[in-house]
Full PDB file with SEQRES, HELIX, SHEET, SSBOND, CRYST1, ORIGX, SCALE, CONECT and MASTER records, all heavy atoms in Angstrom:
SEQRES   1 A   33  THR SER HIS MET GLN ALA ALA ALA MET VAL ALA ARG GLY          
SEQRES   2 A   33  ASN GLY ASP VAL SER LEU GLY SER GLN ARG VAL ALA VAL          
SEQRES   3 A   33  GLN VAL PRO GLU ILE ASP PHE                                  
HELIX    1 AA1 HIS A    3  ALA A   11  1                                   9    
HELIX    2 AA2 GLN A   22  ALA A   25  1                                   4    
CRYST1    1.000    1.000    1.000  90.00  90.00  90.00 P 1           1          
ORIGX1      1.000000  0.000000  0.000000        0.00000                         
ORIGX2      0.000000  1.000000  0.000000        0.00000                         
ORIGX3      0.000000  0.000000  1.000000        0.00000                         
SCALE1      1.000000  0.000000  0.000000        0.00000                         
SCALE2      0.000000  1.000000  0.000000        0.00000                         
SCALE3      0.000000  0.000000  1.000000        0.00000                         
ATOM      1  N   THR A   1     112.028 107.601 110.124  1.00  0.00           N  
ATOM      2  CA  THR A   1     111.600 106.634 111.127  1.00  0.00           C  
ATOM      3  C   THR A   1     110.606 105.600 110.581  1.00  0.00           C  
ATOM      4  O   THR A   1     110.035 104.842 111.353  1.00  0.00           O  
ATOM      5  CB  THR A   1     110.965 107.347 112.336  1.00  0.00           C  
ATOM      6  OG1 THR A   1     109.861 108.153 111.878  1.00  0.00           O  
ATOM      7  CG2 THR A   1     111.984 108.238 113.031  1.00  0.00           C  
ATOM      8  N   SER A   2     110.414 105.577 109.268  1.00  0.00           N  
ATOM      9  CA  SER A   2     109.553 104.559 108.661  1.00  0.00           C  
ATOM     10  C   SER A   2     109.929 104.408 107.191  1.00  0.00           C  
ATOM     11  O   SER A   2     110.585 105.277 106.608  1.00  0.00           O  
ATOM     12  CB  SER A   2     108.077 104.939 108.782  1.00  0.00           C  
ATOM     13  OG  SER A   2     107.784 106.051 107.957  1.00  0.00           O  
ATOM     14  N   HIS A   3     109.475 103.299 106.581  1.00  0.00           N  
ATOM     15  CA  HIS A   3     109.691 103.107 105.148  1.00  0.00           C  
ATOM     16  C   HIS A   3     109.055 104.241 104.353  1.00  0.00           C  
ATOM     17  O   HIS A   3     109.662 104.779 103.420  1.00  0.00           O  
ATOM     18  CB  HIS A   3     109.074 101.772 104.696  1.00  0.00           C  
ATOM     19  CG  HIS A   3     109.714 100.553 105.272  1.00  0.00           C  
ATOM     20  ND1 HIS A   3     110.927 100.074 104.832  1.00  0.00           N  
ATOM     21  CD2 HIS A   3     109.306  99.700 106.231  1.00  0.00           C  
ATOM     22  CE1 HIS A   3     111.238  98.982 105.508  1.00  0.00           C  
ATOM     23  NE2 HIS A   3     110.272  98.742 106.372  1.00  0.00           N  
ATOM     24  N   MET A   4     107.819 104.601 104.720  1.00  0.00           N  
ATOM     25  CA  MET A   4     107.104 105.627 103.964  1.00  0.00           C  
ATOM     26  C   MET A   4     107.802 106.978 104.061  1.00  0.00           C  
ATOM     27  O   MET A   4     107.924 107.700 103.060  1.00  0.00           O  
ATOM     28  CB  MET A   4     105.667 105.737 104.478  1.00  0.00           C  
ATOM     29  CG  MET A   4     104.823 106.768 103.730  1.00  0.00           C  
ATOM     30  SD  MET A   4     104.714 106.440 101.944  1.00  0.00           S  
ATOM     31  CE  MET A   4     103.593 105.039 101.944  1.00  0.00           C  
ATOM     32  N   GLN A   5     108.254 107.351 105.246  1.00  0.00           N  
ATOM     33  CA  GLN A   5     108.958 108.621 105.385  1.00  0.00           C  
ATOM     34  C   GLN A   5     110.244 108.620 104.572  1.00  0.00           C  
ATOM     35  O   GLN A   5     110.583 109.616 103.935  1.00  0.00           O  
ATOM     36  CB  GLN A   5     109.262 108.919 106.849  1.00  0.00           C  
ATOM     37  CG  GLN A   5     109.883 110.299 107.057  1.00  0.00           C  
ATOM     38  CD  GLN A   5     110.290 110.573 108.491  1.00  0.00           C  
ATOM     39  OE1 GLN A   5     110.322 109.677 109.332  1.00  0.00           O  
ATOM     40  NE2 GLN A   5     110.610 111.810 108.794  1.00  0.00           N  
ATOM     41  N   ALA A   6     110.952 107.502 104.577  1.00  0.00           N  
ATOM     42  CA  ALA A   6     112.197 107.405 103.803  1.00  0.00           C  
ATOM     43  C   ALA A   6     111.923 107.578 102.318  1.00  0.00           C  
ATOM     44  O   ALA A   6     112.627 108.315 101.613  1.00  0.00           O  
ATOM     45  CB  ALA A   6     112.870 106.062 104.073  1.00  0.00           C  
ATOM     46  N   ALA A   7     110.887 106.908 101.824  1.00  0.00           N  
ATOM     47  CA  ALA A   7     110.539 107.011 100.407  1.00  0.00           C  
ATOM     48  C   ALA A   7     110.123 108.433 100.054  1.00  0.00           C  
ATOM     49  O   ALA A   7     110.509 108.971  98.996  1.00  0.00           O  
ATOM     50  CB  ALA A   7     109.422 106.026 100.077  1.00  0.00           C  
ATOM     51  N   ALA A   8     109.347 109.060 100.933  1.00  0.00           N  
ATOM     52  CA  ALA A   8     108.881 110.425 100.682  1.00  0.00           C  
ATOM     53  C   ALA A   8     110.043 111.411 100.667  1.00  0.00           C  
ATOM     54  O   ALA A   8     110.055 112.355  99.864  1.00  0.00           O  
ATOM     55  CB  ALA A   8     107.863 110.822 101.740  1.00  0.00           C  
ATOM     56  N   MET A   9     111.016 111.210 101.533  1.00  0.00           N  
ATOM     57  CA  MET A   9     112.166 112.108 101.569  1.00  0.00           C  
ATOM     58  C   MET A   9     112.978 112.017 100.284  1.00  0.00           C  
ATOM     59  O   MET A   9     113.450 113.031  99.757  1.00  0.00           O  
ATOM     60  CB  MET A   9     113.036 111.798 102.792  1.00  0.00           C  
ATOM     61  CG  MET A   9     112.402 112.235 104.110  1.00  0.00           C  
ATOM     62  SD  MET A   9     113.376 111.795 105.580  1.00  0.00           S  
ATOM     63  CE  MET A   9     114.810 112.878 105.389  1.00  0.00           C  
ATOM     64  N   VAL A  10     113.136 110.810  99.749  1.00  0.00           N  
ATOM     65  CA  VAL A  10     113.833 110.656  98.463  1.00  0.00           C  
ATOM     66  C   VAL A  10     113.017 111.319  97.361  1.00  0.00           C  
ATOM     67  O   VAL A  10     113.557 112.018  96.492  1.00  0.00           O  
ATOM     68  CB  VAL A  10     114.085 109.172  98.148  1.00  0.00           C  
ATOM     69  CG1 VAL A  10     114.645 109.014  96.734  1.00  0.00           C  
ATOM     70  CG2 VAL A  10     115.044 108.568  99.171  1.00  0.00           C  
ATOM     71  N   ALA A  11     111.692 111.132  97.380  1.00  0.00           N  
ATOM     72  CA  ALA A  11     110.825 111.721  96.367  1.00  0.00           C  
ATOM     73  C   ALA A  11     110.901 113.241  96.380  1.00  0.00           C  
ATOM     74  O   ALA A  11     110.824 113.882  95.324  1.00  0.00           O  
ATOM     75  CB  ALA A  11     109.390 111.259  96.585  1.00  0.00           C  
ATOM     76  N   ARG A  12     111.053 113.819  97.591  1.00  0.00           N  
ATOM     77  CA  ARG A  12     111.106 115.287  97.719  1.00  0.00           C  
ATOM     78  C   ARG A  12     112.501 115.858  97.460  1.00  0.00           C  
ATOM     79  O   ARG A  12     112.685 117.069  97.480  1.00  0.00           O  
ATOM     80  CB  ARG A  12     110.652 115.701  99.122  1.00  0.00           C  
ATOM     81  CG  ARG A  12     109.187 115.466  99.420  1.00  0.00           C  
ATOM     82  CD  ARG A  12     108.760 116.246 100.666  1.00  0.00           C  
ATOM     83  NE  ARG A  12     109.563 115.867 101.826  1.00  0.00           N  
ATOM     84  CZ  ARG A  12     109.198 114.969 102.728  1.00  0.00           C  
ATOM     85  NH1 ARG A  12     108.038 114.346 102.597  1.00  0.00           N  
ATOM     86  NH2 ARG A  12     109.969 114.686 103.756  1.00  0.00           N  
ATOM     87  N   GLY A  13     113.482 114.996  97.262  1.00  0.00           N  
ATOM     88  CA  GLY A  13     114.832 115.479  97.024  1.00  0.00           C  
ATOM     89  C   GLY A  13     115.632 115.719  98.283  1.00  0.00           C  
ATOM     90  O   GLY A  13     116.685 116.366  98.240  1.00  0.00           O  
ATOM     91  N   ASN A  14     115.152 115.206  99.425  1.00  0.00           N  
ATOM     92  CA  ASN A  14     115.908 115.344 100.676  1.00  0.00           C  
ATOM     93  C   ASN A  14     117.020 114.305 100.792  1.00  0.00           C  
ATOM     94  O   ASN A  14     117.716 114.252 101.808  1.00  0.00           O  
ATOM     95  CB  ASN A  14     114.966 115.205 101.877  1.00  0.00           C  
ATOM     96  CG  ASN A  14     113.887 116.266 101.903  1.00  0.00           C  
ATOM     97  OD1 ASN A  14     112.712 115.964 102.001  1.00  0.00           O  
ATOM     98  ND2 ASN A  14     114.281 117.532 101.780  1.00  0.00           N  
ATOM     99  N   GLY A  15     117.170 113.503  99.787  1.00  0.00           N  
ATOM    100  CA  GLY A  15     118.228 112.505  99.720  1.00  0.00           C  
ATOM    101  C   GLY A  15     118.169 111.830  98.373  1.00  0.00           C  
ATOM    102  O   GLY A  15     117.158 111.922  97.646  1.00  0.00           O  
ATOM    103  N   ASP A  16     119.263 111.166  98.005  1.00  0.00           N  
ATOM    104  CA  ASP A  16     119.317 110.480  96.710  1.00  0.00           C  
ATOM    105  C   ASP A  16     118.882 109.029  96.798  1.00  0.00           C  
ATOM    106  O   ASP A  16     118.443 108.444  95.798  1.00  0.00           O  
ATOM    107  CB  ASP A  16     120.756 110.522  96.154  1.00  0.00           C  
ATOM    108  CG  ASP A  16     121.258 111.930  95.956  1.00  0.00           C  
ATOM    109  OD1 ASP A  16     120.559 112.721  95.302  1.00  0.00           O  
ATOM    110  OD2 ASP A  16     122.362 112.246  96.471  1.00  0.00           O  
ATOM    111  N   VAL A  17     119.010 108.447  97.992  1.00  0.00           N  
ATOM    112  CA  VAL A  17     118.782 107.005  98.111  1.00  0.00           C  
ATOM    113  C   VAL A  17     118.425 106.656  99.554  1.00  0.00           C  
ATOM    114  O   VAL A  17     118.851 107.316 100.500  1.00  0.00           O  
ATOM    115  CB  VAL A  17     120.042 106.222  97.665  1.00  0.00           C  
ATOM    116  CG1 VAL A  17     121.246 106.597  98.524  1.00  0.00           C  
ATOM    117  CG2 VAL A  17     119.818 104.722  97.689  1.00  0.00           C  
ATOM    118  N   SER A  18     117.609 105.623  99.699  1.00  0.00           N  
ATOM    119  CA  SER A  18     117.319 105.060 101.002  1.00  0.00           C  
ATOM    120  C   SER A  18     117.045 103.578 100.819  1.00  0.00           C  
ATOM    121  O   SER A  18     117.050 103.070  99.697  1.00  0.00           O  
ATOM    122  CB  SER A  18     116.124 105.762 101.662  1.00  0.00           C  
ATOM    123  OG  SER A  18     115.987 105.356 103.014  1.00  0.00           O  
ATOM    124  N   LEU A  19     116.825 102.878 101.915  1.00  0.00           N  
ATOM    125  CA  LEU A  19     116.505 101.463 101.860  1.00  0.00           C  
ATOM    126  C   LEU A  19     115.126 101.234 102.460  1.00  0.00           C  
ATOM    127  O   LEU A  19     114.753 101.880 103.437  1.00  0.00           O  
ATOM    128  CB  LEU A  19     117.533 100.628 102.636  1.00  0.00           C  
ATOM    129  CG  LEU A  19     118.879 100.364 101.952  1.00  0.00           C  
ATOM    130  CD1 LEU A  19     119.793 101.568 102.110  1.00  0.00           C  
ATOM    131  CD2 LEU A  19     119.546  99.128 102.548  1.00  0.00           C  
ATOM    132  N   GLY A  20     114.371 100.298 101.875  1.00  0.00           N  
ATOM    133  CA  GLY A  20     113.048 100.006 102.399  1.00  0.00           C  
ATOM    134  C   GLY A  20     112.380  98.896 101.627  1.00  0.00           C  
ATOM    135  O   GLY A  20     112.991  98.238 100.780  1.00  0.00           O  
ATOM    136  N   SER A  21     111.105  98.694 101.898  1.00  0.00           N  
ATOM    137  CA  SER A  21     110.374  97.578 101.318  1.00  0.00           C  
ATOM    138  C   SER A  21     109.735  97.955  99.991  1.00  0.00           C  
ATOM    139  O   SER A  21     109.401  99.118  99.740  1.00  0.00           O  
ATOM    140  CB  SER A  21     109.289  97.088 102.284  1.00  0.00           C  
ATOM    141  OG  SER A  21     108.248  98.038 102.382  1.00  0.00           O  
ATOM    142  N   GLN A  22     109.545  96.953  99.163  1.00  0.00           N  
ATOM    143  CA  GLN A  22     108.905  97.143  97.862  1.00  0.00           C  
ATOM    144  C   GLN A  22     107.460  97.611  98.019  1.00  0.00           C  
ATOM    145  O   GLN A  22     106.967  98.399  97.227  1.00  0.00           O  
ATOM    146  CB  GLN A  22     108.952  95.841  97.071  1.00  0.00           C  
ATOM    147  CG  GLN A  22     108.370  95.939  95.672  1.00  0.00           C  
ATOM    148  CD  GLN A  22     108.489  94.637  94.911  1.00  0.00           C  
ATOM    149  OE1 GLN A  22     109.079  93.671  95.392  1.00  0.00           O  
ATOM    150  NE2 GLN A  22     107.918  94.591  93.724  1.00  0.00           N  
ATOM    151  N   ARG A  23     106.785  97.116  99.071  1.00  0.00           N  
ATOM    152  CA  ARG A  23     105.375  97.477  99.267  1.00  0.00           C  
ATOM    153  C   ARG A  23     105.181  98.980  99.314  1.00  0.00           C  
ATOM    154  O   ARG A  23     104.247  99.530  98.721  1.00  0.00           O  
ATOM    155  CB  ARG A  23     104.846  96.851 100.554  1.00  0.00           C  
ATOM    156  CG  ARG A  23     103.382  97.203 100.849  1.00  0.00           C  
ATOM    157  CD  ARG A  23     102.933  96.698 102.192  1.00  0.00           C  
ATOM    158  NE  ARG A  23     103.567  97.395 103.291  1.00  0.00           N  
ATOM    159  CZ  ARG A  23     103.171  98.568 103.772  1.00  0.00           C  
ATOM    160  NH1 ARG A  23     102.145  99.200 103.214  1.00  0.00           N  
ATOM    161  NH2 ARG A  23     103.785  99.133 104.786  1.00  0.00           N  
ATOM    162  N   VAL A  24     106.072  99.677 100.034  1.00  0.00           N  
ATOM    163  CA  VAL A  24     105.957 101.120 100.152  1.00  0.00           C  
ATOM    164  C   VAL A  24     106.365 101.807  98.848  1.00  0.00           C  
ATOM    165  O   VAL A  24     105.759 102.808  98.446  1.00  0.00           O  
ATOM    166  CB  VAL A  24     106.813 101.633 101.323  1.00  0.00           C  
ATOM    167  CG1 VAL A  24     106.948 103.157 101.289  1.00  0.00           C  
ATOM    168  CG2 VAL A  24     106.203 101.189 102.651  1.00  0.00           C  
ATOM    169  N   ALA A  25     107.363 101.262  98.174  1.00  0.00           N  
ATOM    170  CA  ALA A  25     107.860 101.885  96.949  1.00  0.00           C  
ATOM    171  C   ALA A  25     106.769 102.030  95.895  1.00  0.00           C  
ATOM    172  O   ALA A  25     106.708 103.033  95.180  1.00  0.00           O  
ATOM    173  CB  ALA A  25     109.035 101.078  96.388  1.00  0.00           C  
ATOM    174  N   VAL A  26     105.888 101.038  95.790  1.00  0.00           N  
ATOM    175  CA  VAL A  26     104.835 101.104  94.767  1.00  0.00           C  
ATOM    176  C   VAL A  26     103.803 102.178  95.084  1.00  0.00           C  
ATOM    177  O   VAL A  26     103.021 102.574  94.212  1.00  0.00           O  
ATOM    178  CB  VAL A  26     104.138  99.738  94.597  1.00  0.00           C  
ATOM    179  CG1 VAL A  26     105.131  98.675  94.175  1.00  0.00           C  
ATOM    180  CG2 VAL A  26     103.420  99.306  95.880  1.00  0.00           C  
ATOM    181  N   GLN A  27     103.807 102.674  96.319  1.00  0.00           N  
ATOM    182  CA  GLN A  27     102.869 103.727  96.708  1.00  0.00           C  
ATOM    183  C   GLN A  27     103.430 105.121  96.464  1.00  0.00           C  
ATOM    184  O   GLN A  27     102.713 106.116  96.651  1.00  0.00           O  
ATOM    185  CB  GLN A  27     102.506 103.574  98.190  1.00  0.00           C  
ATOM    186  CG  GLN A  27     101.853 102.240  98.536  1.00  0.00           C  
ATOM    187  CD  GLN A  27     101.604 102.120 100.030  1.00  0.00           C  
ATOM    188  OE1 GLN A  27     100.965 102.972 100.650  1.00  0.00           O  
ATOM    189  NE2 GLN A  27     102.108 101.065 100.635  1.00  0.00           N  
ATOM    190  N   VAL A  28     104.696 105.193  96.082  1.00  0.00           N  
ATOM    191  CA  VAL A  28     105.346 106.497  95.851  1.00  0.00           C  
ATOM    192  C   VAL A  28     105.875 106.510  94.418  1.00  0.00           C  
ATOM    193  O   VAL A  28     107.012 106.121  94.160  1.00  0.00           O  
ATOM    194  CB  VAL A  28     106.496 106.728  96.861  1.00  0.00           C  
ATOM    195  CG1 VAL A  28     107.073 108.129  96.707  1.00  0.00           C  
ATOM    196  CG2 VAL A  28     106.011 106.521  98.292  1.00  0.00           C  
ATOM    197  N   PRO A  29     105.056 106.950  93.467  1.00  0.00           N  
ATOM    198  CA  PRO A  29     105.451 106.870  92.051  1.00  0.00           C  
ATOM    199  C   PRO A  29     106.633 107.753  91.676  1.00  0.00           C  
ATOM    200  O   PRO A  29     107.220 107.568  90.601  1.00  0.00           O  
ATOM    201  CB  PRO A  29     104.171 107.310  91.315  1.00  0.00           C  
ATOM    202  CG  PRO A  29     103.387 108.102  92.323  1.00  0.00           C  
ATOM    203  CD  PRO A  29     103.705 107.492  93.645  1.00  0.00           C  
ATOM    204  N   GLU A  30     107.008 108.679  92.555  1.00  0.00           N  
ATOM    205  CA  GLU A  30     108.109 109.601  92.224  1.00  0.00           C  
ATOM    206  C   GLU A  30     109.479 108.971  92.449  1.00  0.00           C  
ATOM    207  O   GLU A  30     110.499 109.634  92.237  1.00  0.00           O  
ATOM    208  CB  GLU A  30     107.999 110.880  93.058  1.00  0.00           C  
ATOM    209  CG  GLU A  30     106.740 111.689  92.822  1.00  0.00           C  
ATOM    210  CD  GLU A  30     105.550 111.205  93.646  1.00  0.00           C  
ATOM    211  OE1 GLU A  30     105.717 110.248  94.423  1.00  0.00           O  
ATOM    212  OE2 GLU A  30     104.459 111.785  93.502  1.00  0.00           O  
ATOM    213  N   ILE A  31     109.538 107.719  92.880  1.00  0.00           N  
ATOM    214  CA  ILE A  31     110.825 107.058  93.082  1.00  0.00           C  
ATOM    215  C   ILE A  31     110.876 105.756  92.297  1.00  0.00           C  
ATOM    216  O   ILE A  31     109.845 105.247  91.846  1.00  0.00           O  
ATOM    217  CB  ILE A  31     111.086 106.748  94.576  1.00  0.00           C  
ATOM    218  CG1 ILE A  31     110.055 105.728  95.104  1.00  0.00           C  
ATOM    219  CG2 ILE A  31     111.076 108.023  95.405  1.00  0.00           C  
ATOM    220  CD1 ILE A  31     110.360 105.212  96.499  1.00  0.00           C  
ATOM    221  N   ASP A  32     112.082 105.223  92.125  1.00  0.00           N  
ATOM    222  CA  ASP A  32     112.288 103.891  91.560  1.00  0.00           C  
ATOM    223  C   ASP A  32     112.758 102.964  92.669  1.00  0.00           C  
ATOM    224  O   ASP A  32     113.338 103.414  93.668  1.00  0.00           O  
ATOM    225  CB  ASP A  32     113.323 103.916  90.426  1.00  0.00           C  
ATOM    226  CG  ASP A  32     112.759 104.535  89.143  1.00  0.00           C  
ATOM    227  OD1 ASP A  32     111.512 104.536  88.996  1.00  0.00           O  
ATOM    228  OD2 ASP A  32     113.554 105.018  88.319  1.00  0.00           O  
ATOM    229  N   PHE A  33     112.530 101.688  92.479  1.00  0.00           N  
ATOM    230  CA  PHE A  33     112.902 100.678  93.471  1.00  0.00           C  
ATOM    231  C   PHE A  33     113.890  99.702  92.841  1.00  0.00           C  
ATOM    232  O   PHE A  33     113.633  99.147  91.774  1.00  0.00           O  
ATOM    233  CB  PHE A  33     111.659  99.927  93.948  1.00  0.00           C  
ATOM    234  CG  PHE A  33     111.940  98.860  94.978  1.00  0.00           C  
ATOM    235  CD1 PHE A  33     112.237  99.200  96.291  1.00  0.00           C  
ATOM    236  CD2 PHE A  33     111.908  97.518  94.628  1.00  0.00           C  
ATOM    237  CE1 PHE A  33     112.496  98.219  97.241  1.00  0.00           C  
ATOM    238  CE2 PHE A  33     112.149  96.530  95.569  1.00  0.00           C  
ATOM    239  CZ  PHE A  33     112.445  96.881  96.876  1.00  0.00           C  
TER     240      PHE A  33                                                      
MASTER        0    0    0    2    0    0    0    6  239    1    0    3          
END                                                                             
């Protein structure tokens, strides 16, 4: 339900890919954008 939750779920392995903003991606080092 948010960019941050989507990024965190990918980081935790709950999915392989999601869509979202670059701003949030830089806050989650465990993913690539």
